[in-house]
C-alpha atoms as a PDB file:
ATOM      1  CA  MET A   1      30.094 225.331  12.810  1.00  0.00           C
ATOM      2  CA  PHE A   2      30.685 225.819   8.991  1.00  0.00           C
ATOM      3  CA  LEU A   3      34.417 225.151   9.213  1.00  0.00           C
ATOM      4  CA  ARG A   4      33.991 222.053  11.433  1.00  0.00           C
ATOM      5  CA  ALA A   5      31.443 220.712   8.919  1.00  0.00           C
ATOM      6  CA  VAL A   6      33.836 221.428   6.000  1.00  0.00           C
ATOM      7  CA  ALA A   7      36.691 219.645   7.826  1.00  0.00           C
ATOM      8  CA  ALA A   8      34.464 216.684   8.548  1.00  0.00           C
ATOM      9  CA  ASP A   9      32.208 216.234   5.561  1.00  0.00           C
ATOM     10  CA  VAL A  10      31.884 218.618   2.441  1.00  0.00           C
ATOM     11  CA  GLU A  11      28.357 217.395   1.785  1.00  0.00           C
ATOM     12  CA  GLN A  12      27.314 218.219   5.292  1.00  0.00           C
ATOM     13  CA  ALA A  13      28.824 221.640   4.916  1.00  0.00           C
ATOM     14  CA  ARG A  14      26.549 222.478   1.944  1.00  0.00           C
ATOM     15  CA  ALA A  15      23.759 223.133   4.393  1.00  0.00           C
ATOM     16  CA  PHE A  16      25.737 226.285   5.505  1.00  0.00           C
ATOM     17  CA  VAL A  17      26.328 227.605   1.948  1.00  0.00           C
ATOM     18  CA  SER A  18      24.146 229.993   0.146  1.00  0.00           C
ATOM     19  CA  LYS A  19      22.179 228.813  -2.974  1.00  0.00           C
ATOM     20  CA  ASN A  20      23.979 231.666  -4.917  1.00  0.00           C
ATOM     21  CA  SER A  21      27.454 230.670  -3.740  1.00  0.00           C
ATOM     22  CA  ALA A  22      30.384 229.455  -5.829  1.00  0.00           C
ATOM     23  CA  VAL A  23      32.542 228.471  -2.742  1.00  0.00           C
ATOM     24  CA  ASP A  24      34.966 225.675  -3.611  1.00  0.00           C
ATOM     25  CA  LEU A  25      34.371 223.396  -0.469  1.00  0.00           C
ATOM     26  CA  ASP A  26      36.980 220.884  -1.611  1.00  0.00           C
ATOM     27  CA  ALA A  27      39.699 223.483  -1.728  1.00  0.00           C
ATOM     28  CA  LEU A  28      38.621 224.879   1.641  1.00  0.00           C
ATOM     29  CA  GLN A  29      38.653 221.321   3.088  1.00  0.00           C
ATOM     30  CA  ASN A  30      42.183 220.937   1.732  1.00  0.00           C
ATOM     31  CA  ILE A  31      43.236 224.155   3.573  1.00  0.00           C
ATOM     32  CA  LEU A  32      41.663 223.002   6.844  1.00  0.00           C
ATOM     33  CA  GLU A  33      43.360 219.571   6.729  1.00  0.00           C
ATOM     34  CA  HIS A  34      46.648 221.244   7.099  1.00  0.00           C
ATOM     35  CA  CYS A  35      45.385 223.314  10.102  1.00  0.00           C
ATOM     36  CA  THR A  36      46.664 221.684  13.315  1.00  0.00           C
ATOM     37  CA  ALA A  37      46.532 224.664  15.803  1.00  0.00           C
ATOM     38  CA  PRO A  38      43.106 225.888  17.160  1.00  0.00           C
ATOM     39  CA  MET A  39      41.419 228.435  14.957  1.00  0.00           C
ATOM     40  CA  ILE A  40      40.836 231.848  16.437  1.00  0.00           C
ATOM     41  CA  ASN A  41      37.662 233.762  15.809  1.00  0.00           C
ATOM     42  CA  LEU A  42      38.495 237.381  15.111  1.00  0.00           C
ATOM     43  CA  LYS A  43      36.163 240.427  15.537  1.00  0.00           C
ATOM     44  CA  LYS A  44      33.045 240.239  13.430  1.00  0.00           C
ATOM     45  CA  ALA A  45      32.528 243.133  10.955  1.00  0.00           C
ATOM     46  CA  SER A  46      29.356 244.077   9.034  1.00  0.00           C
ATOM     47  CA  TYR A  47      29.028 245.733   5.637  1.00  0.00           C
ATOM     48  CA  GLY A  48      26.709 248.537   6.605  1.00  0.00           C
ATOM     49  CA  PRO A  49      23.766 248.353   8.943  1.00  0.00           C
ATOM     50  CA  GLY A  50      20.884 246.087   7.904  1.00  0.00           C
ATOM     51  CA  ASN A  51      21.914 245.154   4.536  1.00  0.00           C
ATOM     52  CA  GLY A  52      21.801 241.493   5.138  1.00  0.00           C
ATOM     53  CA  LYS A  53      25.490 240.838   4.756  1.00  0.00           C
ATOM     54  CA  LYS A  54      28.333 240.309   7.188  1.00  0.00           C
ATOM     55  CA  THR A  55      31.856 238.909   7.349  1.00  0.00           C
ATOM     56  CA  ARG A  56      33.407 236.686  10.011  1.00  0.00           C
ATOM     57  CA  SER A  57      37.221 236.317   9.994  1.00  0.00           C
ATOM     58  CA  ILE A  58      39.009 233.289  11.377  1.00  0.00           C
ATOM     59  CA  LEU A  59      42.726 233.147  12.050  1.00  0.00           C
ATOM     60  CA  LEU A  60      44.432 229.926  11.112  1.00  0.00           C
ATOM     61  CA  ASN A  61      47.238 230.392  13.534  1.00  0.00           C
ATOM     62  CA  ASP A  62      49.654 227.650  12.328  1.00  0.00           C
ATOM     63  CA  GLN A  63      49.321 228.810   8.740  1.00  0.00           C
ATOM     64  CA  ASN A  64      49.552 232.510   9.341  1.00  0.00           C
ATOM     65  CA  CYS A  65      46.437 232.935   7.334  1.00  0.00           C
ATOM     66  CA  ILE A  66      43.090 234.575   7.861  1.00  0.00           C
ATOM     67  CA  LEU A  67      39.895 233.166   6.314  1.00  0.00           C
ATOM     68  CA  HIS A  68      37.186 235.849   5.646  1.00  0.00           C
ATOM     69  CA  LEU A  69      33.779 234.087   5.572  1.00  0.00           C
ATOM     70  CA  HIS A  70      31.339 236.373   3.739  1.00  0.00           C
ATOM     71  CA  MET A  71      27.700 235.738   4.666  1.00  0.00           C
ATOM     72  CA  VAL A  72      24.366 236.650   3.522  1.00  0.00           C
ATOM     73  CA  GLU A  73      21.041 236.555   5.380  1.00  0.00           C
ATOM     74  CA  GLU A  74      19.143 233.441   4.056  1.00  0.00           C
ATOM     75  CA  PRO A  75      17.255 231.987   6.977  1.00  0.00           C
ATOM     76  CA  ASP A  76      16.249 228.315   6.964  1.00  0.00           C
ATOM     77  CA  GLN A  77      16.129 225.379   9.337  1.00  0.00           C
ATOM     78  CA  TYR A  78      20.026 225.422   9.604  1.00  0.00           C
ATOM     79  CA  GLY A  79      20.317 229.083  10.667  1.00  0.00           C
ATOM     80  CA  PRO A  80      19.802 232.675   9.549  1.00  0.00           C
ATOM     81  CA  TRP A  81      23.180 233.141   7.748  1.00  0.00           C
ATOM     82  CA  LYS A  82      24.677 231.381   4.703  1.00  0.00           C
ATOM     83  CA  ILE A  83      28.296 231.476   3.306  1.00  0.00           C
ATOM     84  CA  TYR A  84      28.474 233.014  -0.116  1.00  0.00           C
ATOM     85  CA  GLY A  85      32.143 233.638  -0.331  1.00  0.00           C
ATOM     86  CA  VAL A  86      35.463 232.794   1.333  1.00  0.00           C
ATOM     87  CA  ASP A  87      38.717 234.743   0.991  1.00  0.00           C
ATOM     88  CA  ARG A  88      42.069 233.670   2.183  1.00  0.00           C
ATOM     89  CA  GLU A  89      44.704 236.102   3.313  1.00  0.00           C
ATOM     90  CA  CYS A  90      48.209 234.869   3.987  1.00  0.00           C
ATOM     91  CA  ARG A  91      51.584 236.386   4.735  1.00  0.00           C
END
């Protein structure tokens, strides 16, 4: 949902971002604008049991890139997890 929100409206996407985040949503939106193939959700990995952090990785198939969405547990009316960092890994 976060990536769809970024692609559609950066302001709407802010609801999914941690209050302690420095994610550049405009740069992320620019990356997603060039993504024409469906994104593939890769296996979810957690940083240790119960520490309130996890990472979800998304393959941008047409760009040969993976986005790692780093999340922290910050429950509110929009959901239990918020994005606090995004890494891009490309070949």
